[in-house]
Amino acid sequence: MELFLFRTDIKSKKKLNYMKPILNNHSDILKWSIDLEDIDNVLRIEATNTVTEDTIIKLIRMHGFYIKTLTD
């Protein structure tokens, strides 16, 4: 299992609800959440080992959102 953390501009429930079916229906994403209370609107994804960071970034950007990897 892989764990990914990203900064996003998904700041509202409307945007979250737009992304919900996209993330829920991705076969390699096991669990995900977006913290709307956090200043960085952190997207946390647990995925299979076949998913890469770039795959997730492309998926989110394809739907018009900003996304950047959070580093330690």
PDB file of N, CA and C in Angstrom:
ATOM      1  N   MET A   1       0.838  -1.187   0.000  1.00  0.00           N
ATOM      2  CA  MET A   1       0.000   0.000   0.000  1.00  0.00           C
ATOM      3  C   MET A   1       0.879   1.245   0.000  1.00  0.00           C
ATOM      4  N   GLU A   2       0.437   2.250  -0.712  1.00  0.00           N
ATOM      5  CA  GLU A   2       1.125   3.541  -0.773  1.00  0.00           C
ATOM      6  C   GLU A   2       0.271   4.599  -0.088  1.00  0.00           C
ATOM      7  N   LEU A   3       0.918   5.563   0.545  1.00  0.00           N
ATOM      8  CA  LEU A   3       0.236   6.696   1.157  1.00  0.00           C
ATOM      9  C   LEU A   3       0.769   7.966   0.512  1.00  0.00           C
ATOM     10  N   PHE A   4      -0.146   8.793   0.017  1.00  0.00           N
ATOM     11  CA  PHE A   4       0.225  10.048  -0.639  1.00  0.00           C
ATOM     12  C   PHE A   4      -0.464  11.206   0.071  1.00  0.00           C
ATOM     13  N   LEU A   5       0.253  12.322   0.206  1.00  0.00           N
ATOM     14  CA  LEU A   5      -0.299  13.553   0.777  1.00  0.00           C
ATOM     15  C   LEU A   5      -0.054  14.694  -0.190  1.00  0.00           C
ATOM     16  N   PHE A   6      -1.123  15.456  -0.462  1.00  0.00           N
ATOM     17  CA  PHE A   6      -1.027  16.551  -1.418  1.00  0.00           C
ATOM     18  C   PHE A   6      -1.694  17.806  -0.876  1.00  0.00           C
ATOM     19  N   ARG A   7      -1.176  18.944  -1.272  1.00  0.00           N
ATOM     20  CA  ARG A   7      -1.819  20.240  -1.062  1.00  0.00           C
ATOM     21  C   ARG A   7      -2.736  20.451  -2.270  1.00  0.00           C
ATOM     22  N   THR A   8      -3.961  20.917  -2.041  1.00  0.00           N
ATOM     23  CA  THR A   8      -4.896  21.137  -3.153  1.00  0.00           C
ATOM     24  C   THR A   8      -5.630  22.464  -2.995  1.00  0.00           C
ATOM     25  N   ASP A   9      -6.406  22.788  -4.017  1.00  0.00           N
ATOM     26  CA  ASP A   9      -7.308  23.948  -3.905  1.00  0.00           C
ATOM     27  C   ASP A   9      -8.769  23.484  -3.873  1.00  0.00           C
ATOM     28  N   ILE A  10      -8.979  22.268  -3.408  1.00  0.00           N
ATOM     29  CA  ILE A  10     -10.339  21.751  -3.228  1.00  0.00           C
ATOM     30  C   ILE A  10     -10.802  22.254  -1.862  1.00  0.00           C
ATOM     31  N   LYS A  11     -11.479  23.408  -1.874  1.00  0.00           N
ATOM     32  CA  LYS A  11     -11.741  24.144  -0.635  1.00  0.00           C
ATOM     33  C   LYS A  11     -13.189  24.130  -0.176  1.00  0.00           C
ATOM     34  N   SER A  12     -14.073  23.541  -0.959  1.00  0.00           N
ATOM     35  CA  SER A  12     -15.483  23.585  -0.587  1.00  0.00           C
ATOM     36  C   SER A  12     -16.123  22.206  -0.722  1.00  0.00           C
ATOM     37  N   LYS A  13     -17.272  22.057  -0.085  1.00  0.00           N
ATOM     38  CA  LYS A  13     -18.002  20.790  -0.187  1.00  0.00           C
ATOM     39  C   LYS A  13     -18.436  20.537  -1.624  1.00  0.00           C
ATOM     40  N   LYS A  14     -18.744  21.599  -2.351  1.00  0.00           N
ATOM     41  CA  LYS A  14     -19.156  21.453  -3.750  1.00  0.00           C
ATOM     42  C   LYS A  14     -18.020  20.831  -4.580  1.00  0.00           C
ATOM     43  N   LYS A  15     -16.803  21.341  -4.392  1.00  0.00           N
ATOM     44  CA  LYS A  15     -15.648  20.795  -5.110  1.00  0.00           C
ATOM     45  C   LYS A  15     -15.348  19.375  -4.638  1.00  0.00           C
ATOM     46  N   LEU A  16     -15.464  19.141  -3.343  1.00  0.00           N
ATOM     47  CA  LEU A  16     -15.245  17.806  -2.792  1.00  0.00           C
ATOM     48  C   LEU A  16     -16.249  16.818  -3.393  1.00  0.00           C
ATOM     49  N   ASN A  17     -17.511  17.221  -3.466  1.00  0.00           N
ATOM     50  CA  ASN A  17     -18.541  16.350  -4.027  1.00  0.00           C
ATOM     51  C   ASN A  17     -18.323  16.096  -5.512  1.00  0.00           C
ATOM     52  N   TYR A  18     -17.739  17.058  -6.219  1.00  0.00           N
ATOM     53  CA  TYR A  18     -17.401  16.857  -7.627  1.00  0.00           C
ATOM     54  C   TYR A  18     -16.350  15.754  -7.777  1.00  0.00           C
ATOM     55  N   MET A  19     -15.354  15.758  -6.887  1.00  0.00           N
ATOM     56  CA  MET A  19     -14.259  14.798  -6.973  1.00  0.00           C
ATOM     57  C   MET A  19     -14.607  13.430  -6.371  1.00  0.00           C
ATOM     58  N   LYS A  20     -15.614  13.374  -5.535  1.00  0.00           N
ATOM     59  CA  LYS A  20     -15.957  12.138  -4.831  1.00  0.00           C
ATOM     60  C   LYS A  20     -16.139  10.939  -5.769  1.00  0.00           C
ATOM     61  N   PRO A  21     -16.986  11.019  -6.817  1.00  0.00           N
ATOM     62  CA  PRO A  21     -17.143   9.838  -7.679  1.00  0.00           C
ATOM     63  C   PRO A  21     -15.876   9.492  -8.461  1.00  0.00           C
ATOM     64  N   ILE A  22     -15.092  10.476  -8.781  1.00  0.00           N
ATOM     65  CA  ILE A  22     -13.854  10.246  -9.533  1.00  0.00           C
ATOM     66  C   ILE A  22     -12.869   9.449  -8.688  1.00  0.00           C
ATOM     67  N   LEU A  23     -12.707   9.852  -7.441  1.00  0.00           N
ATOM     68  CA  LEU A  23     -11.780   9.161  -6.546  1.00  0.00           C
ATOM     69  C   LEU A  23     -12.346   7.823  -6.068  1.00  0.00           C
ATOM     70  N   ASN A  24     -13.649   7.782  -5.800  1.00  0.00           N
ATOM     71  CA  ASN A  24     -14.272   6.535  -5.342  1.00  0.00           C
ATOM     72  C   ASN A  24     -14.227   5.447  -6.407  1.00  0.00           C
ATOM     73  N   ASN A  25     -14.322   5.829  -7.666  1.00  0.00           N
ATOM     74  CA  ASN A  25     -14.397   4.849  -8.743  1.00  0.00           C
ATOM     75  C   ASN A  25     -13.034   4.457  -9.316  1.00  0.00           C
ATOM     76  N   HIS A  26     -11.972   5.054  -8.810  1.00  0.00           N
ATOM     77  CA  HIS A  26     -10.636   4.690  -9.282  1.00  0.00           C
ATOM     78  C   HIS A  26     -10.264   3.355  -8.639  1.00  0.00           C
ATOM     79  N   SER A  27      -9.990   2.367  -9.459  1.00  0.00           N
ATOM     80  CA  SER A  27      -9.800   1.001  -8.955  1.00  0.00           C
ATOM     81  C   SER A  27      -8.586   0.844  -8.038  1.00  0.00           C
ATOM     82  N   ASP A  28      -7.594   1.714  -8.147  1.00  0.00           N
ATOM     83  CA  ASP A  28      -6.385   1.574  -7.342  1.00  0.00           C
ATOM     84  C   ASP A  28      -6.369   2.442  -6.094  1.00  0.00           C
ATOM     85  N   ILE A  29      -7.374   3.298  -5.921  1.00  0.00           N
ATOM     86  CA  ILE A  29      -7.461   4.130  -4.721  1.00  0.00           C
ATOM     87  C   ILE A  29      -8.315   3.388  -3.695  1.00  0.00           C
ATOM     88  N   LEU A  30      -7.697   3.057  -2.577  1.00  0.00           N
ATOM     89  CA  LEU A  30      -8.375   2.281  -1.547  1.00  0.00           C
ATOM     90  C   LEU A  30      -9.165   3.160  -0.585  1.00  0.00           C
ATOM     91  N   LYS A  31      -8.565   4.267  -0.168  1.00  0.00           N
ATOM     92  CA  LYS A  31      -9.168   5.217   0.777  1.00  0.00           C
ATOM     93  C   LYS A  31      -8.651   6.604   0.458  1.00  0.00           C
ATOM     94  N   TRP A  32      -9.481   7.610   0.673  1.00  0.00           N
ATOM     95  CA  TRP A  32      -9.031   8.977   0.452  1.00  0.00           C
ATOM     96  C   TRP A  32      -9.837   9.919   1.343  1.00  0.00           C
ATOM     97  N   SER A  33      -9.264  11.087   1.585  1.00  0.00           N
ATOM     98  CA  SER A  33      -9.971  12.140   2.317  1.00  0.00           C
ATOM     99  C   SER A  33      -9.357  13.488   1.951  1.00  0.00           C
ATOM    100  N   ILE A  34     -10.172  14.526   2.087  1.00  0.00           N
ATOM    101  CA  ILE A  34      -9.707  15.900   1.891  1.00  0.00           C
ATOM    102  C   ILE A  34     -10.082  16.677   3.147  1.00  0.00           C
ATOM    103  N   ASP A  35      -9.086  17.306   3.749  1.00  0.00           N
ATOM    104  CA  ASP A  35      -9.298  18.083   4.968  1.00  0.00           C
ATOM    105  C   ASP A  35      -9.641  19.516   4.590  1.00  0.00           C
ATOM    106  N   LEU A  36     -10.934  19.828   4.589  1.00  0.00           N
ATOM    107  CA  LEU A  36     -11.385  21.176   4.221  1.00  0.00           C
ATOM    108  C   LEU A  36     -11.063  22.208   5.296  1.00  0.00           C
ATOM    109  N   GLU A  37     -10.746  21.763   6.502  1.00  0.00           N
ATOM    110  CA  GLU A  37     -10.415  22.668   7.602  1.00  0.00           C
ATOM    111  C   GLU A  37      -8.945  23.095   7.579  1.00  0.00           C
ATOM    112  N   ASP A  38      -8.103  22.319   6.928  1.00  0.00           N
ATOM    113  CA  ASP A  38      -6.669  22.597   6.868  1.00  0.00           C
ATOM    114  C   ASP A  38      -6.393  23.693   5.841  1.00  0.00           C
ATOM    115  N   ILE A  39      -5.441  24.560   6.104  1.00  0.00           N
ATOM    116  CA  ILE A  39      -5.106  25.650   5.193  1.00  0.00           C
ATOM    117  C   ILE A  39      -4.633  25.137   3.832  1.00  0.00           C
ATOM    118  N   ASP A  40      -4.050  23.937   3.808  1.00  0.00           N
ATOM    119  CA  ASP A  40      -3.551  23.356   2.560  1.00  0.00           C
ATOM    120  C   ASP A  40      -4.565  22.435   1.889  1.00  0.00           C
ATOM    121  N   ASN A  41      -5.746  22.295   2.479  1.00  0.00           N
ATOM    122  CA  ASN A  41      -6.774  21.402   1.931  1.00  0.00           C
ATOM    123  C   ASN A  41      -6.156  20.064   1.528  1.00  0.00           C
ATOM    124  N   VAL A  42      -5.576  19.401   2.514  1.00  0.00           N
ATOM    125  CA  VAL A  42      -4.778  18.205   2.278  1.00  0.00           C
ATOM    126  C   VAL A  42      -5.629  17.045   1.754  1.00  0.00           C
ATOM    127  N   LEU A  43      -5.179  16.511   0.623  1.00  0.00           N
ATOM    128  CA  LEU A  43      -5.747  15.297   0.052  1.00  0.00           C
ATOM    129  C   LEU A  43      -4.856  14.149   0.491  1.00  0.00           C
ATOM    130  N   ARG A  44      -5.453  13.189   1.183  1.00  0.00           N
ATOM    131  CA  ARG A  44      -4.713  12.016   1.675  1.00  0.00           C
ATOM    132  C   ARG A  44      -5.255  10.805   0.931  1.00  0.00           C
ATOM    133  N   ILE A  45      -4.367  10.069   0.286  1.00  0.00           N
ATOM    134  CA  ILE A  45      -4.783   8.912  -0.501  1.00  0.00           C
ATOM    135  C   ILE A  45      -3.997   7.683  -0.084  1.00  0.00           C
ATOM    136  N   GLU A  46      -4.727   6.603   0.177  1.00  0.00           N
ATOM    137  CA  GLU A  46      -4.137   5.286   0.363  1.00  0.00           C
ATOM    138  C   GLU A  46      -4.470   4.511  -0.904  1.00  0.00           C
ATOM    139  N   ALA A  47      -3.439   3.973  -1.550  1.00  0.00           N
ATOM    140  CA  ALA A  47      -3.639   3.322  -2.841  1.00  0.00           C
ATOM    141  C   ALA A  47      -2.799   2.061  -2.947  1.00  0.00           C
ATOM    142  N   THR A  48      -3.102   1.292  -3.974  1.00  0.00           N
ATOM    143  CA  THR A  48      -2.320   0.094  -4.240  1.00  0.00           C
ATOM    144  C   THR A  48      -0.918   0.501  -4.682  1.00  0.00           C
ATOM    145  N   ASN A  49      -0.019  -0.450  -4.705  1.00  0.00           N
ATOM    146  CA  ASN A  49       1.367  -0.187  -5.096  1.00  0.00           C
ATOM    147  C   ASN A  49       1.516   0.128  -6.578  1.00  0.00           C
ATOM    148  N   THR A  50       0.464  -0.049  -7.349  1.00  0.00           N
ATOM    149  CA  THR A  50       0.555   0.211  -8.785  1.00  0.00           C
ATOM    150  C   THR A  50       0.342   1.679  -9.131  1.00  0.00           C
ATOM    151  N   VAL A  51      -0.131   2.471  -8.184  1.00  0.00           N
ATOM    152  CA  VAL A  51      -0.388   3.901  -8.424  1.00  0.00           C
ATOM    153  C   VAL A  51       0.869   4.709  -8.124  1.00  0.00           C
ATOM    154  N   THR A  52       1.120   5.695  -8.978  1.00  0.00           N
ATOM    155  CA  THR A  52       2.240   6.593  -8.730  1.00  0.00           C
ATOM    156  C   THR A  52       1.717   7.974  -8.357  1.00  0.00           C
ATOM    157  N   GLU A  53       2.587   8.745  -7.764  1.00  0.00           N
ATOM    158  CA  GLU A  53       2.271  10.128  -7.423  1.00  0.00           C
ATOM    159  C   GLU A  53       1.846  10.899  -8.671  1.00  0.00           C
ATOM    160  N   ASP A  54       2.563  10.705  -9.763  1.00  0.00           N
ATOM    161  CA  ASP A  54       2.254  11.393 -11.018  1.00  0.00           C
ATOM    162  C   ASP A  54       0.864  11.048 -11.536  1.00  0.00           C
ATOM    163  N   THR A  55       0.447   9.806 -11.368  1.00  0.00           N
ATOM    164  CA  THR A  55      -0.879   9.388 -11.808  1.00  0.00           C
ATOM    165  C   THR A  55      -1.956  10.183 -11.083  1.00  0.00           C
ATOM    166  N   ILE A  56      -1.802  10.329  -9.784  1.00  0.00           N
ATOM    167  CA  ILE A  56      -2.786  11.073  -8.988  1.00  0.00           C
ATOM    168  C   ILE A  56      -2.766  12.549  -9.353  1.00  0.00           C
ATOM    169  N   ILE A  57      -1.581  13.114  -9.507  1.00  0.00           N
ATOM    170  CA  ILE A  57      -1.467  14.529  -9.876  1.00  0.00           C
ATOM    171  C   ILE A  57      -2.155  14.784 -11.215  1.00  0.00           C
ATOM    172  N   LYS A  58      -1.909  13.934 -12.195  1.00  0.00           N
ATOM    173  CA  LYS A  58      -2.549  14.097 -13.510  1.00  0.00           C
ATOM    174  C   LYS A  58      -4.058  13.983 -13.408  1.00  0.00           C
ATOM    175  N   LEU A  59      -4.548  13.044 -12.603  1.00  0.00           N
ATOM    176  CA  LEU A  59      -5.981  12.855 -12.424  1.00  0.00           C
ATOM    177  C   LEU A  59      -6.640  14.103 -11.850  1.00  0.00           C
ATOM    178  N   ILE A  60      -6.057  14.672 -10.817  1.00  0.00           N
ATOM    179  CA  ILE A  60      -6.636  15.859 -10.175  1.00  0.00           C
ATOM    180  C   ILE A  60      -6.543  17.070 -11.106  1.00  0.00           C
ATOM    181  N   ARG A  61      -5.408  17.260 -11.747  1.00  0.00           N
ATOM    182  CA  ARG A  61      -5.232  18.392 -12.671  1.00  0.00           C
ATOM    183  C   ARG A  61      -6.171  18.296 -13.866  1.00  0.00           C
ATOM    184  N   MET A  62      -6.437  17.067 -14.323  1.00  0.00           N
ATOM    185  CA  MET A  62      -7.327  16.862 -15.460  1.00  0.00           C
ATOM    186  C   MET A  62      -8.725  17.419 -15.161  1.00  0.00           C
ATOM    187  N   HIS A  63      -9.073  17.506 -13.891  1.00  0.00           N
ATOM    188  CA  HIS A  63     -10.378  18.023 -13.489  1.00  0.00           C
ATOM    189  C   HIS A  63     -10.304  19.483 -13.034  1.00  0.00           C
ATOM    190  N   GLY A  64      -9.180  20.136 -13.327  1.00  0.00           N
ATOM    191  CA  GLY A  64      -9.082  21.579 -13.135  1.00  0.00           C
ATOM    192  C   GLY A  64      -8.632  22.056 -11.767  1.00  0.00           C
ATOM    193  N   PHE A  65      -8.097  21.169 -10.950  1.00  0.00           N
ATOM    194  CA  PHE A  65      -7.679  21.566  -9.614  1.00  0.00           C
ATOM    195  C   PHE A  65      -6.164  21.642  -9.496  1.00  0.00           C
ATOM    196  N   TYR A  66      -5.735  22.493  -8.579  1.00  0.00           N
ATOM    197  CA  TYR A  66      -4.313  22.610  -8.221  1.00  0.00           C
ATOM    198  C   TYR A  66      -3.977  21.458  -7.285  1.00  0.00           C
ATOM    199  N   ILE A  67      -2.805  20.878  -7.477  1.00  0.00           N
ATOM    200  CA  ILE A  67      -2.343  19.820  -6.578  1.00  0.00           C
ATOM    201  C   ILE A  67      -0.819  19.848  -6.545  1.00  0.00           C
ATOM    202  N   LYS A  68      -0.279  19.688  -5.351  1.00  0.00           N
ATOM    203  CA  LYS A  68       1.180  19.656  -5.179  1.00  0.00           C
ATOM    204  C   LYS A  68       1.499  18.677  -4.054  1.00  0.00           C
ATOM    205  N   THR A  69       2.535  17.912  -4.248  1.00  0.00           N
ATOM    206  CA  THR A  69       2.965  16.946  -3.243  1.00  0.00           C
ATOM    207  C   THR A  69       3.407  17.662  -1.969  1.00  0.00           C
ATOM    208  N   LEU A  70       2.952  17.162  -0.835  1.00  0.00           N
ATOM    209  CA  LEU A  70       3.426  17.667   0.451  1.00  0.00           C
ATOM    210  C   LEU A  70       4.643  16.855   0.859  1.00  0.00           C
ATOM    211  N   THR A  71       5.704  17.551   1.208  1.00  0.00           N
ATOM    212  CA  THR A  71       6.921  16.880   1.644  1.00  0.00           C
ATOM    213  C   THR A  71       7.154  17.143   3.115  1.00  0.00           C
ATOM    214  N   ASP A  72       7.959  16.307   3.730  1.00  0.00           N
ATOM    215  CA  ASP A  72       8.229  16.442   5.169  1.00  0.00           C
ATOM    216  C   ASP A  72       8.987  17.697   5.491  1.00  0.00           C
TER     217      ASP A  72
END
